Amino acid sequence: MRMRPGRRTHQQYIHLVRLAWDLRELGYGSAVALPCDGEPALVFPPATDHLTVRVSTHDGDWFFTWGRGPGRRVRALDTGAARRIAGVTR
């Protein structure tokens, strides 16, 4: 099923806000960026150069990604996603 761009952006926003809340519960601050001409992203300030986390779909599953490569992604619905992303900054 292919989503309309507006619906996709809305789903991305929902996943990113949930991630931001989970990071908050772990004691980390973050910000969700909503650019007018791009996709939403989560900016994780504790990282040296501000880690930017994006969310996208692959084969019907949603993933958080930062950088490139298979080791730099985690399923968006994974209960340990926030801990994994927080661990990247240590």
PDB file of N, CA and C in Angstrom:
ATOM      1  N   MET A   1       0.841  -1.186   0.000  1.00  0.00           N
ATOM      2  CA  MET A   1       0.000   0.000   0.000  1.00  0.00           C
ATOM      3  C   MET A   1       0.883   1.245   0.000  1.00  0.00           C
ATOM      4  N   ARG A   2       0.691   2.078  -0.960  1.00  0.00           N
ATOM      5  CA  ARG A   2       1.482   3.296  -1.061  1.00  0.00           C
ATOM      6  C   ARG A   2       0.739   4.443  -0.384  1.00  0.00           C
ATOM      7  N   MET A   3       1.437   5.181   0.494  1.00  0.00           N
ATOM      8  CA  MET A   3       0.802   6.279   1.228  1.00  0.00           C
ATOM      9  C   MET A   3       0.971   7.596   0.493  1.00  0.00           C
ATOM     10  N   ARG A   4       0.005   8.457   0.653  1.00  0.00           N
ATOM     11  CA  ARG A   4       0.126   9.826   0.141  1.00  0.00           C
ATOM     12  C   ARG A   4       1.222  10.530   0.942  1.00  0.00           C
ATOM     13  N   PRO A   5       1.931  11.503   0.328  1.00  0.00           N
ATOM     14  CA  PRO A   5       3.011  12.194   1.041  1.00  0.00           C
ATOM     15  C   PRO A   5       2.577  12.777   2.383  1.00  0.00           C
ATOM     16  N   GLY A   6       1.410  13.374   2.471  1.00  0.00           N
ATOM     17  CA  GLY A   6       0.953  13.954   3.729  1.00  0.00           C
ATOM     18  C   GLY A   6       0.763  12.910   4.807  1.00  0.00           C
ATOM     19  N   ARG A   7       0.205  11.781   4.440  1.00  0.00           N
ATOM     20  CA  ARG A   7      -0.005  10.700   5.408  1.00  0.00           C
ATOM     21  C   ARG A   7       1.329  10.121   5.871  1.00  0.00           C
ATOM     22  N   ARG A   8       2.269   9.966   4.955  1.00  0.00           N
ATOM     23  CA  ARG A   8       3.589   9.452   5.304  1.00  0.00           C
ATOM     24  C   ARG A   8       4.276  10.384   6.306  1.00  0.00           C
ATOM     25  N   THR A   9       4.246  11.678   6.028  1.00  0.00           N
ATOM     26  CA  THR A   9       4.871  12.652   6.922  1.00  0.00           C
ATOM     27  C   THR A   9       4.213  12.617   8.292  1.00  0.00           C
ATOM     28  N   HIS A  10       2.900  12.450   8.324  1.00  0.00           N
ATOM     29  CA  HIS A  10       2.175  12.361   9.590  1.00  0.00           C
ATOM     30  C   HIS A  10       2.632  11.134  10.381  1.00  0.00           C
ATOM     31  N   GLN A  11       2.775   9.999   9.717  1.00  0.00           N
ATOM     32  CA  GLN A  11       3.235   8.778  10.384  1.00  0.00           C
ATOM     33  C   GLN A  11       4.672   8.955  10.898  1.00  0.00           C
ATOM     34  N   GLN A  12       5.523   9.598  10.102  1.00  0.00           N
ATOM     35  CA  GLN A  12       6.893   9.846  10.536  1.00  0.00           C
ATOM     36  C   GLN A  12       6.890  10.694  11.809  1.00  0.00           C
ATOM     37  N   TYR A  13       6.095  11.730  11.814  1.00  0.00           N
ATOM     38  CA  TYR A  13       5.990  12.619  12.971  1.00  0.00           C
ATOM     39  C   TYR A  13       5.572  11.847  14.225  1.00  0.00           C
ATOM     40  N   ILE A  14       4.573  10.995  14.090  1.00  0.00           N
ATOM     41  CA  ILE A  14       4.088  10.215  15.233  1.00  0.00           C
ATOM     42  C   ILE A  14       5.206   9.337  15.802  1.00  0.00           C
ATOM     43  N   HIS A  15       5.944   8.645  14.938  1.00  0.00           N
ATOM     44  CA  HIS A  15       7.044   7.795  15.416  1.00  0.00           C
ATOM     45  C   HIS A  15       8.134   8.624  16.096  1.00  0.00           C
ATOM     46  N   LEU A  16       8.455   9.778  15.513  1.00  0.00           N
ATOM     47  CA  LEU A  16       9.517  10.612  16.084  1.00  0.00           C
ATOM     48  C   LEU A  16       9.125  11.210  17.427  1.00  0.00           C
ATOM     49  N   VAL A  17       7.875  11.615  17.574  1.00  0.00           N
ATOM     50  CA  VAL A  17       7.425  12.164  18.864  1.00  0.00           C
ATOM     51  C   VAL A  17       7.434  11.065  19.924  1.00  0.00           C
ATOM     52  N   ARG A  18       7.038   9.873  19.549  1.00  0.00           N
ATOM     53  CA  ARG A  18       7.082   8.755  20.498  1.00  0.00           C
ATOM     54  C   ARG A  18       8.529   8.481  20.914  1.00  0.00           C
ATOM     55  N   LEU A  19       9.453   8.514  19.953  1.00  0.00           N
ATOM     56  CA  LEU A  19      10.867   8.320  20.272  1.00  0.00           C
ATOM     57  C   LEU A  19      11.369   9.432  21.193  1.00  0.00           C
ATOM     58  N   ALA A  20      11.000  10.668  20.905  1.00  0.00           N
ATOM     59  CA  ALA A  20      11.412  11.793  21.755  1.00  0.00           C
ATOM     60  C   ALA A  20      10.913  11.594  23.184  1.00  0.00           C
ATOM     61  N   TRP A  21       9.690  11.136  23.333  1.00  0.00           N
ATOM     62  CA  TRP A  21       9.134  10.892  24.665  1.00  0.00           C
ATOM     63  C   TRP A  21       9.902   9.772  25.366  1.00  0.00           C
ATOM     64  N   ASP A  22      10.204   8.684  24.634  1.00  0.00           N
ATOM     65  CA  ASP A  22      10.961   7.580  25.231  1.00  0.00           C
ATOM     66  C   ASP A  22      12.351   8.031  25.654  1.00  0.00           C
ATOM     67  N   LEU A  23      12.999   8.866  24.845  1.00  0.00           N
ATOM     68  CA  LEU A  23      14.310   9.400  25.217  1.00  0.00           C
ATOM     69  C   LEU A  23      14.202  10.280  26.456  1.00  0.00           C
ATOM     70  N   ARG A  24      13.131  11.056  26.550  1.00  0.00           N
ATOM     71  CA  ARG A  24      12.901  11.911  27.723  1.00  0.00           C
ATOM     72  C   ARG A  24      12.807  11.062  28.986  1.00  0.00           C
ATOM     73  N   GLU A  25      12.089   9.944  28.879  1.00  0.00           N
ATOM     74  CA  GLU A  25      11.954   9.058  30.032  1.00  0.00           C
ATOM     75  C   GLU A  25      13.294   8.446  30.444  1.00  0.00           C
ATOM     76  N   LEU A  26      14.244   8.391  29.512  1.00  0.00           N
ATOM     77  CA  LEU A  26      15.586   7.905  29.823  1.00  0.00           C
ATOM     78  C   LEU A  26      16.505   9.022  30.308  1.00  0.00           C
ATOM     79  N   GLY A  27      15.975  10.256  30.361  1.00  0.00           N
ATOM     80  CA  GLY A  27      16.747  11.387  30.852  1.00  0.00           C
ATOM     81  C   GLY A  27      17.449  12.204  29.783  1.00  0.00           C
ATOM     82  N   TYR A  28      17.049  12.051  28.530  1.00  0.00           N
ATOM     83  CA  TYR A  28      17.672  12.781  27.427  1.00  0.00           C
ATOM     84  C   TYR A  28      16.684  13.757  26.797  1.00  0.00           C
ATOM     85  N   GLY A  29      17.171  14.913  26.429  1.00  0.00           N
ATOM     86  CA  GLY A  29      16.370  15.870  25.688  1.00  0.00           C
ATOM     87  C   GLY A  29      16.577  15.676  24.198  1.00  0.00           C
ATOM     88  N   SER A  30      15.618  16.077  23.412  1.00  0.00           N
ATOM     89  CA  SER A  30      15.714  15.997  21.952  1.00  0.00           C
ATOM     90  C   SER A  30      14.732  16.989  21.369  1.00  0.00           C
ATOM     91  N   ALA A  31      14.768  17.130  20.061  1.00  0.00           N
ATOM     92  CA  ALA A  31      13.836  18.032  19.379  1.00  0.00           C
ATOM     93  C   ALA A  31      13.396  17.390  18.078  1.00  0.00           C
ATOM     94  N   VAL A  32      12.132  17.560  17.742  1.00  0.00           N
ATOM     95  CA  VAL A  32      11.616  17.078  16.469  1.00  0.00           C
ATOM     96  C   VAL A  32      11.618  18.259  15.506  1.00  0.00           C
ATOM     97  N   ALA A  33      12.334  18.105  14.408  1.00  0.00           N
ATOM     98  CA  ALA A  33      12.422  19.151  13.391  1.00  0.00           C
ATOM     99  C   ALA A  33      11.391  18.879  12.303  1.00  0.00           C
ATOM    100  N   LEU A  34      10.645  19.925  11.944  1.00  0.00           N
ATOM    101  CA  LEU A  34       9.617  19.805  10.916  1.00  0.00           C
ATOM    102  C   LEU A  34       9.879  20.813   9.800  1.00  0.00           C
ATOM    103  N   PRO A  35      10.834  20.519   8.922  1.00  0.00           N
ATOM    104  CA  PRO A  35      11.151  21.466   7.853  1.00  0.00           C
ATOM    105  C   PRO A  35      10.009  21.579   6.852  1.00  0.00           C
ATOM    106  N   CYS A  36       9.874  22.745   6.265  1.00  0.00           N
ATOM    107  CA  CYS A  36       8.826  22.975   5.269  1.00  0.00           C
ATOM    108  C   CYS A  36       9.074  22.188   3.986  1.00  0.00           C
ATOM    109  N   ASP A  37      10.337  21.963   3.662  1.00  0.00           N
ATOM    110  CA  ASP A  37      10.655  21.351   2.379  1.00  0.00           C
ATOM    111  C   ASP A  37      11.393  20.023   2.505  1.00  0.00           C
ATOM    112  N   GLY A  38      11.223  19.339   3.613  1.00  0.00           N
ATOM    113  CA  GLY A  38      11.890  18.055   3.796  1.00  0.00           C
ATOM    114  C   GLY A  38      11.118  17.168   4.747  1.00  0.00           C
ATOM    115  N   GLU A  39      11.704  16.035   5.070  1.00  0.00           N
ATOM    116  CA  GLU A  39      11.045  15.096   5.970  1.00  0.00           C
ATOM    117  C   GLU A  39      11.374  15.432   7.421  1.00  0.00           C
ATOM    118  N   PRO A  40      10.461  15.120   8.336  1.00  0.00           N
ATOM    119  CA  PRO A  40      10.725  15.374   9.749  1.00  0.00           C
ATOM    120  C   PRO A  40      11.886  14.510  10.243  1.00  0.00           C
ATOM    121  N   ALA A  41      12.539  14.971  11.284  1.00  0.00           N
ATOM    122  CA  ALA A  41      13.660  14.239  11.877  1.00  0.00           C
ATOM    123  C   ALA A  41      13.731  14.582  13.355  1.00  0.00           C
ATOM    124  N   LEU A  42      14.392  13.737  14.108  1.00  0.00           N
ATOM    125  CA  LEU A  42      14.634  13.998  15.518  1.00  0.00           C
ATOM    126  C   LEU A  42      16.096  14.398  15.653  1.00  0.00           C
ATOM    127  N   VAL A  43      16.344  15.499  16.329  1.00  0.00           N
ATOM    128  CA  VAL A  43      17.707  15.959  16.582  1.00  0.00           C
ATOM    129  C   VAL A  43      18.009  15.639  18.041  1.00  0.00           C
ATOM    130  N   PHE A  44      19.065  14.897  18.226  1.00  0.00           N
ATOM    131  CA  PHE A  44      19.427  14.408  19.548  1.00  0.00           C
ATOM    132  C   PHE A  44      20.634  15.202  20.033  1.00  0.00           C
ATOM    133  N   PRO A  45      20.405  16.297  20.764  1.00  0.00           N
ATOM    134  CA  PRO A  45      21.475  17.207  21.184  1.00  0.00           C
ATOM    135  C   PRO A  45      22.645  16.606  21.957  1.00  0.00           C
ATOM    136  N   PRO A  46      22.471  15.553  22.765  1.00  0.00           N
ATOM    137  CA  PRO A  46      23.641  15.090  23.498  1.00  0.00           C
ATOM    138  C   PRO A  46      24.791  14.596  22.612  1.00  0.00           C
ATOM    139  N   ALA A  47      24.505  14.282  21.364  1.00  0.00           N
ATOM    140  CA  ALA A  47      25.554  13.789  20.472  1.00  0.00           C
ATOM    141  C   ALA A  47      26.552  14.904  20.152  1.00  0.00           C
ATOM    142  N   THR A  48      27.778  14.526  19.889  1.00  0.00           N
ATOM    143  CA  THR A  48      28.834  15.481  19.600  1.00  0.00           C
ATOM    144  C   THR A  48      28.432  16.465  18.508  1.00  0.00           C
ATOM    145  N   ASP A  49      27.969  15.949  17.398  1.00  0.00           N
ATOM    146  CA  ASP A  49      27.557  16.803  16.280  1.00  0.00           C
ATOM    147  C   ASP A  49      26.054  16.703  16.026  1.00  0.00           C
ATOM    148  N   HIS A  50      25.288  16.586  17.052  1.00  0.00           N
ATOM    149  CA  HIS A  50      23.838  16.436  16.942  1.00  0.00           C
ATOM    150  C   HIS A  50      23.465  15.271  16.031  1.00  0.00           C
ATOM    151  N   LEU A  51      23.143  14.177  16.620  1.00  0.00           N
ATOM    152  CA  LEU A  51      22.698  12.999  15.892  1.00  0.00           C
ATOM    153  C   LEU A  51      21.328  13.298  15.297  1.00  0.00           C
ATOM    154  N   THR A  52      21.159  13.054  14.014  1.00  0.00           N
ATOM    155  CA  THR A  52      19.876  13.251  13.358  1.00  0.00           C
ATOM    156  C   THR A  52      19.272  11.885  13.074  1.00  0.00           C
ATOM    157  N   VAL A  53      18.088  11.651  13.608  1.00  0.00           N
ATOM    158  CA  VAL A  53      17.394  10.379  13.430  1.00  0.00           C
ATOM    159  C   VAL A  53      16.207  10.613  12.508  1.00  0.00           C
ATOM    160  N   ARG A  54      16.119   9.796  11.487  1.00  0.00           N
ATOM    161  CA  ARG A  54      14.991   9.868  10.558  1.00  0.00           C
ATOM    162  C   ARG A  54      14.193   8.582  10.675  1.00  0.00           C
ATOM    163  N   VAL A  55      13.002   8.597  10.129  1.00  0.00           N
ATOM    164  CA  VAL A  55      12.170   7.394  10.146  1.00  0.00           C
ATOM    165  C   VAL A  55      11.667   7.144   8.733  1.00  0.00           C
ATOM    166  N   SER A  56      11.745   5.878   8.319  1.00  0.00           N
ATOM    167  CA  SER A  56      11.303   5.526   6.969  1.00  0.00           C
ATOM    168  C   SER A  56      10.754   4.107   6.973  1.00  0.00           C
ATOM    169  N   THR A  57      10.156   3.733   5.866  1.00  0.00           N
ATOM    170  CA  THR A  57       9.604   2.383   5.761  1.00  0.00           C
ATOM    171  C   THR A  57      10.464   1.541   4.838  1.00  0.00           C
ATOM    172  N   HIS A  58      10.478   0.255   5.121  1.00  0.00           N
ATOM    173  CA  HIS A  58      11.148  -0.717   4.270  1.00  0.00           C
ATOM    174  C   HIS A  58      10.362  -2.014   4.372  1.00  0.00           C
ATOM    175  N   ASP A  59       9.835  -2.475   3.263  1.00  0.00           N
ATOM    176  CA  ASP A  59       9.017  -3.699   3.234  1.00  0.00           C
ATOM    177  C   ASP A  59       7.871  -3.658   4.243  1.00  0.00           C
ATOM    178  N   GLY A  60       7.277  -2.486   4.404  1.00  0.00           N
ATOM    179  CA  GLY A  60       6.115  -2.351   5.281  1.00  0.00           C
ATOM    180  C   GLY A  60       6.422  -2.081   6.744  1.00  0.00           C
ATOM    181  N   ASP A  61       7.693  -2.142   7.146  1.00  0.00           N
ATOM    182  CA  ASP A  61       8.078  -1.861   8.534  1.00  0.00           C
ATOM    183  C   ASP A  61       8.686  -0.464   8.625  1.00  0.00           C
ATOM    184  N   TRP A  62       8.470   0.194   9.752  1.00  0.00           N
ATOM    185  CA  TRP A  62       9.053   1.514  10.001  1.00  0.00           C
ATOM    186  C   TRP A  62      10.360   1.340  10.749  1.00  0.00           C
ATOM    187  N   PHE A  63      11.380   2.118  10.352  1.00  0.00           N
ATOM    188  CA  PHE A  63      12.694   2.060  10.974  1.00  0.00           C
ATOM    189  C   PHE A  63      13.174   3.459  11.309  1.00  0.00           C
ATOM    190  N   PHE A  64      13.873   3.583  12.458  1.00  0.00           N
ATOM    191  CA  PHE A  64      14.634   4.784  12.772  1.00  0.00           C
ATOM    192  C   PHE A  64      16.015   4.552  12.172  1.00  0.00           C
ATOM    193  N   THR A  65      16.566   5.560  11.506  1.00  0.00           N
ATOM    194  CA  THR A  65      17.900   5.451  10.927  1.00  0.00           C
ATOM    195  C   THR A  65      18.724   6.674  11.292  1.00  0.00           C
ATOM    196  N   TRP A  66      20.012   6.481  11.433  1.00  0.00           N
ATOM    197  CA  TRP A  66      20.957   7.567  11.658  1.00  0.00           C
ATOM    198  C   TRP A  66      22.213   7.165  10.885  1.00  0.00           C
ATOM    199  N   GLY A  67      22.624   7.988   9.981  1.00  0.00           N
ATOM    200  CA  GLY A  67      23.760   7.636   9.138  1.00  0.00           C
ATOM    201  C   GLY A  67      23.371   6.577   8.120  1.00  0.00           C
ATOM    202  N   ARG A  68      24.369   5.845   7.648  1.00  0.00           N
ATOM    203  CA  ARG A  68      24.129   4.809   6.645  1.00  0.00           C
ATOM    204  C   ARG A  68      24.631   3.467   7.129  1.00  0.00           C
ATOM    205  N   GLY A  69      24.024   2.418   6.632  1.00  0.00           N
ATOM    206  CA  GLY A  69      24.457   1.074   6.967  1.00  0.00           C
ATOM    207  C   GLY A  69      23.456   0.355   7.840  1.00  0.00           C
ATOM    208  N   PRO A  70      23.454  -0.961   7.779  1.00  0.00           N
ATOM    209  CA  PRO A  70      22.479  -1.759   8.534  1.00  0.00           C
ATOM    210  C   PRO A  70      22.629  -1.641  10.046  1.00  0.00           C
ATOM    211  N   GLY A  71      23.819  -1.332  10.544  1.00  0.00           N
ATOM    212  CA  GLY A  71      24.025  -1.177  11.983  1.00  0.00           C
ATOM    213  C   GLY A  71      23.527   0.139  12.524  1.00  0.00           C
ATOM    214  N   ARG A  72      23.021   0.986  11.657  1.00  0.00           N
ATOM    215  CA  ARG A  72      22.553   2.314  12.065  1.00  0.00           C
ATOM    216  C   ARG A  72      21.057   2.457  11.859  1.00  0.00           C
ATOM    217  N   ARG A  73      20.369   1.400  12.213  1.00  0.00           N
ATOM    218  CA  ARG A  73      18.906   1.473  12.163  1.00  0.00           C
ATOM    219  C   ARG A  73      18.318   0.499  13.174  1.00  0.00           C
ATOM    220  N   VAL A  74      17.104   0.807  13.573  1.00  0.00           N
ATOM    221  CA  VAL A  74      16.377  -0.035  14.507  1.00  0.00           C
ATOM    222  C   VAL A  74      14.895   0.101  14.166  1.00  0.00           C
ATOM    223  N   ARG A  75      14.161  -0.970  14.338  1.00  0.00           N
ATOM    224  CA  ARG A  75      12.716  -0.904  14.063  1.00  0.00           C
ATOM    225  C   ARG A  75      12.074   0.150  14.961  1.00  0.00           C
ATOM    226  N   ALA A  76      11.218   0.938  14.378  1.00  0.00           N
ATOM    227  CA  ALA A  76      10.574   2.025  15.130  1.00  0.00           C
ATOM    228  C   ALA A  76       9.721   1.501  16.277  1.00  0.00           C
ATOM    229  N   LEU A  77       9.158   0.320  16.135  1.00  0.00           N
ATOM    230  CA  LEU A  77       8.312  -0.225  17.191  1.00  0.00           C
ATOM    231  C   LEU A  77       9.076  -1.123  18.164  1.00  0.00           C
ATOM    232  N   ASP A  78      10.375  -1.208  18.020  1.00  0.00           N
ATOM    233  CA  ASP A  78      11.206  -1.973  18.941  1.00  0.00           C
ATOM    234  C   ASP A  78      11.175  -1.283  20.305  1.00  0.00           C
ATOM    235  N   THR A  79      10.893  -2.027  21.354  1.00  0.00           N
ATOM    236  CA  THR A  79      10.784  -1.427  22.686  1.00  0.00           C
ATOM    237  C   THR A  79      12.122  -0.873  23.181  1.00  0.00           C
ATOM    238  N   GLY A  80      13.232  -1.332  22.609  1.00  0.00           N
ATOM    239  CA  GLY A  80      14.535  -0.842  23.018  1.00  0.00           C
ATOM    240  C   GLY A  80      15.119   0.204  22.079  1.00  0.00           C
ATOM    241  N   ALA A  81      14.324   0.750  21.178  1.00  0.00           N
ATOM    242  CA  ALA A  81      14.832   1.703  20.180  1.00  0.00           C
ATOM    243  C   ALA A  81      15.462   2.925  20.831  1.00  0.00           C
ATOM    244  N   ALA A  82      14.818   3.510  21.811  1.00  0.00           N
ATOM    245  CA  ALA A  82      15.356   4.714  22.450  1.00  0.00           C
ATOM    246  C   ALA A  82      16.684   4.421  23.148  1.00  0.00           C
ATOM    247  N   ARG A  83      16.772   3.289  23.830  1.00  0.00           N
ATOM    248  CA  ARG A  83      18.028   2.916  24.498  1.00  0.00           C
ATOM    249  C   ARG A  83      19.150   2.706  23.484  1.00  0.00           C
ATOM    250  N   ARG A  84      18.816   2.085  22.375  1.00  0.00           N
ATOM    251  CA  ARG A  84      19.827   1.856  21.334  1.00  0.00           C
ATOM    252  C   ARG A  84      20.329   3.189  20.768  1.00  0.00           C
ATOM    253  N   ILE A  85      19.417   4.104  20.500  1.00  0.00           N
ATOM    254  CA  ILE A  85      19.798   5.398  19.951  1.00  0.00           C
ATOM    255  C   ILE A  85      20.571   6.212  20.988  1.00  0.00           C
ATOM    256  N   ALA A  86      20.150   6.164  22.242  1.00  0.00           N
ATOM    257  CA  ALA A  86      20.889   6.860  23.295  1.00  0.00           C
ATOM    258  C   ALA A  86      22.290   6.299  23.435  1.00  0.00           C
ATOM    259  N   GLY A  87      22.447   5.004  23.226  1.00  0.00           N
ATOM    260  CA  GLY A  87      23.747   4.359  23.324  1.00  0.00           C
ATOM    261  C   GLY A  87      24.734   4.803  22.263  1.00  0.00           C
ATOM    262  N   VAL A  88      24.242   5.298  21.158  1.00  0.00           N
ATOM    263  CA  VAL A  88      25.103   5.758  20.066  1.00  0.00           C
ATOM    264  C   VAL A  88      25.911   6.968  20.507  1.00  0.00           C
ATOM    265  N   THR A  89      25.374   7.743  21.426  1.00  0.00           N
ATOM    266  CA  THR A  89      26.027   8.997  21.824  1.00  0.00           C
ATOM    267  C   THR A  89      27.054   8.814  22.930  1.00  0.00           C
ATOM    268  N   ARG A  90      27.157   7.648  23.506  1.00  0.00           N
ATOM    269  CA  ARG A  90      28.099   7.431  24.622  1.00  0.00           C
ATOM    270  C   ARG A  90      29.487   7.167  24.129  1.00  0.00           C
TER     271      ARG A  90
END
